[in-house]
C-alpha atoms as a PDB file:
ATOM      1  CA  MET A   1       0.000   0.000   0.000  1.00  0.00           C
ATOM      2  CA  MET A   2       2.839   2.410   0.844  1.00  0.00           C
ATOM      3  CA  THR A   3       4.413   1.619  -2.520  1.00  0.00           C
ATOM      4  CA  LEU A   4       1.341   2.894  -4.346  1.00  0.00           C
ATOM      5  CA  LEU A   5       1.150   5.929  -2.080  1.00  0.00           C
ATOM      6  CA  PHE A   6       4.753   6.844  -2.896  1.00  0.00           C
ATOM      7  CA  LEU A   7       4.062   6.353  -6.601  1.00  0.00           C
ATOM      8  CA  ALA A   8       0.961   8.569  -6.377  1.00  0.00           C
ATOM      9  CA  LEU A   9       2.983  11.257  -4.581  1.00  0.00           C
ATOM     10  CA  ALA A  10       5.648  11.019  -7.296  1.00  0.00           C
ATOM     11  CA  ILE A  11       3.012  11.516  -9.987  1.00  0.00           C
ATOM     12  CA  VAL A  12       1.372  14.482  -8.237  1.00  0.00           C
ATOM     13  CA  SER A  13       4.779  16.088  -7.666  1.00  0.00           C
ATOM     14  CA  GLU A  14       5.824  15.607 -11.290  1.00  0.00           C
ATOM     15  CA  VAL A  15       2.546  16.937 -12.684  1.00  0.00           C
ATOM     16  CA  THR A  16       2.736  19.962 -10.379  1.00  0.00           C
ATOM     17  CA  ALA A  17       6.316  20.622 -11.474  1.00  0.00           C
ATOM     18  CA  THR A  18       5.435  20.294 -15.159  1.00  0.00           C
ATOM     19  CA  VAL A  19       2.493  22.706 -14.923  1.00  0.00           C
ATOM     20  CA  SER A  20       4.753  25.096 -13.020  1.00  0.00           C
ATOM     21  CA  LEU A  21       7.355  24.777 -15.781  1.00  0.00           C
ATOM     22  CA  LYS A  22       4.799  26.169 -18.213  1.00  0.00           C
ATOM     23  CA  LEU A  23       3.822  28.914 -15.752  1.00  0.00           C
ATOM     24  CA  SER A  24       7.466  29.859 -15.075  1.00  0.00           C
ATOM     25  CA  GLU A  25       7.729  31.300 -18.614  1.00  0.00           C
ATOM     26  CA  GLY A  26      11.264  30.063 -19.183  1.00  0.00           C
ATOM     27  CA  PHE A  27      12.228  30.410 -15.519  1.00  0.00           C
ATOM     28  CA  SER A  28      11.529  34.137 -15.634  1.00  0.00           C
ATOM     29  CA  LYS A  29       8.963  33.940 -12.799  1.00  0.00           C
ATOM     30  CA  LEU A  30      10.408  33.125  -9.388  1.00  0.00           C
ATOM     31  CA  VAL A  31       7.618  31.252  -7.583  1.00  0.00           C
ATOM     32  CA  PRO A  32       6.738  28.826 -10.404  1.00  0.00           C
ATOM     33  CA  SER A  33      10.472  28.272 -10.987  1.00  0.00           C
ATOM     34  CA  ILE A  34      10.961  27.263  -7.350  1.00  0.00           C
ATOM     35  CA  VAL A  35       7.957  24.914  -7.587  1.00  0.00           C
ATOM     36  CA  VAL A  36       9.550  23.294 -10.668  1.00  0.00           C
ATOM     37  CA  VAL A  37      12.779  22.485  -8.853  1.00  0.00           C
ATOM     38  CA  LEU A  38      11.086  21.313  -5.660  1.00  0.00           C
ATOM     39  CA  GLY A  39       8.419  19.356  -7.549  1.00  0.00           C
ATOM     40  CA  TYR A  40      10.841  17.401  -9.711  1.00  0.00           C
ATOM     41  CA  GLY A  41      13.076  16.748  -6.706  1.00  0.00           C
ATOM     42  CA  ALA A  42      10.116  15.435  -4.722  1.00  0.00           C
ATOM     43  CA  ALA A  43       8.939  13.346  -7.692  1.00  0.00           C
ATOM     44  CA  PHE A  44      12.255  11.510  -7.916  1.00  0.00           C
ATOM     45  CA  LEU A  45      12.456  11.104  -4.150  1.00  0.00           C
ATOM     46  CA  PHE A  46       8.980   9.535  -4.014  1.00  0.00           C
ATOM     47  CA  LEU A  47       9.624   7.379  -7.087  1.00  0.00           C
ATOM     48  CA  SER A  48      12.822   6.084  -5.516  1.00  0.00           C
ATOM     49  CA  GLN A  49      10.865   5.137  -2.393  1.00  0.00           C
ATOM     50  CA  ALA A  50       8.319   3.186  -4.457  1.00  0.00           C
ATOM     51  CA  LEU A  51      11.156   1.335  -6.179  1.00  0.00           C
ATOM     52  CA  LYS A  52      12.926   0.692  -2.863  1.00  0.00           C
ATOM     53  CA  ARG A  53       9.763  -0.982  -1.587  1.00  0.00           C
ATOM     54  CA  GLY A  54       9.763  -3.491  -4.438  1.00  0.00           C
ATOM     55  CA  MET A  55       7.757  -1.981  -7.288  1.00  0.00           C
ATOM     56  CA  ALA A  56       9.146  -3.106 -10.643  1.00  0.00           C
ATOM     57  CA  ILE A  57      10.830  -0.218 -12.444  1.00  0.00           C
ATOM     58  CA  GLY A  58       9.048  -0.846 -15.755  1.00  0.00           C
ATOM     59  CA  VAL A  59       5.648  -0.868 -14.092  1.00  0.00           C
ATOM     60  CA  ALA A  60       6.424   2.142 -11.869  1.00  0.00           C
ATOM     61  CA  TYR A  61       7.759   4.246 -14.710  1.00  0.00           C
ATOM     62  CA  GLY A  62       4.978   3.139 -17.035  1.00  0.00           C
ATOM     63  CA  ILE A  63       2.259   4.118 -14.584  1.00  0.00           C
ATOM     64  CA  TRP A  64       4.062   7.356 -13.713  1.00  0.00           C
ATOM     65  CA  SER A  65       4.454   8.372 -17.333  1.00  0.00           C
ATOM     66  CA  ALA A  66       0.971   7.311 -18.485  1.00  0.00           C
ATOM     67  CA  VAL A  67      -0.853   9.038 -15.655  1.00  0.00           C
ATOM     68  CA  GLY A  68       1.437  12.064 -16.033  1.00  0.00           C
ATOM     69  CA  VAL A  69       0.821  12.340 -19.777  1.00  0.00           C
ATOM     70  CA  ALA A  70      -2.936  12.035 -19.348  1.00  0.00           C
ATOM     71  CA  ALA A  71      -3.042  14.516 -16.451  1.00  0.00           C
ATOM     72  CA  ILE A  72      -0.861  17.108 -18.184  1.00  0.00           C
ATOM     73  CA  ALA A  73      -2.867  16.851 -21.406  1.00  0.00           C
ATOM     74  CA  LEU A  74      -6.146  17.310 -19.515  1.00  0.00           C
ATOM     75  CA  ILE A  75      -4.807  20.180 -17.402  1.00  0.00           C
ATOM     76  CA  GLY A  76      -3.472  21.854 -20.529  1.00  0.00           C
ATOM     77  CA  ALA A  77      -6.829  21.522 -22.267  1.00  0.00           C
ATOM     78  CA  LEU A  78      -8.964  22.513 -19.278  1.00  0.00           C
ATOM     79  CA  PHE A  79      -6.896  25.286 -17.697  1.00  0.00           C
ATOM     80  CA  LEU A  80      -4.109  26.430 -20.020  1.00  0.00           C
ATOM     81  CA  GLY A  81      -6.014  26.985 -23.249  1.00  0.00           C
ATOM     82  CA  GLU A  82      -4.319  24.153 -25.134  1.00  0.00           C
ATOM     83  CA  ARG A  83      -6.192  22.062 -27.668  1.00  0.00           C
ATOM     84  CA  LEU A  84      -6.657  18.318 -27.397  1.00  0.00           C
ATOM     85  CA  ASN A  85      -7.915  16.590 -30.543  1.00  0.00           C
ATOM     86  CA  LEU A  86      -9.329  13.120 -31.052  1.00  0.00           C
ATOM     87  CA  VAL A  87      -6.034  11.658 -32.285  1.00  0.00           C
ATOM     88  CA  GLN A  88      -4.275  12.918 -29.143  1.00  0.00           C
ATOM     89  CA  VAL A  89      -6.995  11.475 -26.914  1.00  0.00           C
ATOM     90  CA  GLY A  90      -6.587   8.158 -28.733  1.00  0.00           C
ATOM     91  CA  GLY A  91      -2.824   8.308 -28.194  1.00  0.00           C
ATOM     92  CA  ILE A  92      -3.300   8.865 -24.481  1.00  0.00           C
ATOM     93  CA  GLY A  93      -5.640   5.875 -24.403  1.00  0.00           C
ATOM     94  CA  LEU A  94      -3.010   3.734 -26.141  1.00  0.00           C
ATOM     95  CA  VAL A  95      -0.365   4.782 -23.603  1.00  0.00           C
ATOM     96  CA  ILE A  96      -2.695   3.781 -20.781  1.00  0.00           C
ATOM     97  CA  LEU A  97      -3.459   0.452 -22.474  1.00  0.00           C
ATOM     98  CA  GLY A  98       0.269  -0.167 -22.872  1.00  0.00           C
ATOM     99  CA  VAL A  99       0.857   0.336 -19.165  1.00  0.00           C
ATOM    100  CA  LEU A 100      -2.066  -1.937 -18.377  1.00  0.00           C
ATOM    101  CA  ALA A 101      -0.485  -4.605 -20.620  1.00  0.00           C
ATOM    102  CA  LEU A 102       2.802  -4.218 -18.717  1.00  0.00           C
ATOM    103  CA  GLU A 103       1.016  -4.642 -15.406  1.00  0.00           C
ATOM    104  CA  LEU A 104      -1.083  -7.613 -16.506  1.00  0.00           C
ATOM    105  CA  GLY A 105       1.863  -9.274 -18.252  1.00  0.00           C
ATOM    106  CA  GLY A 106       3.878  -9.143 -15.047  1.00  0.00           C
ATOM    107  CA  ALA A 107       1.131 -10.677 -12.871  1.00  0.00           C
ATOM    108  CA  HIS A 108       1.761 -14.425 -12.810  1.00  0.00           C
END
């Protein structure tokens, strides 16, 4: 259970850092720039804790990246005025299906 909690914290930290990267406007705004550095640092710290507790690296990174891609795309579309077309939505779905295949393939 703690493994999944650490992975979830890694994902939230990474998504927060990535949104802040956009808001930092090339590191020209101080507060979002600080959030970028702290967020990515926290993301790797939490990911390392999930891996330390036995989560397979391929599964951990796959879940982290798939959820991160989907979250960033949705946040961009909903709050940052970015467009998300049907092909992109399909691509996100394929990424999620790929991670699901990794997870199911590893469950013996």
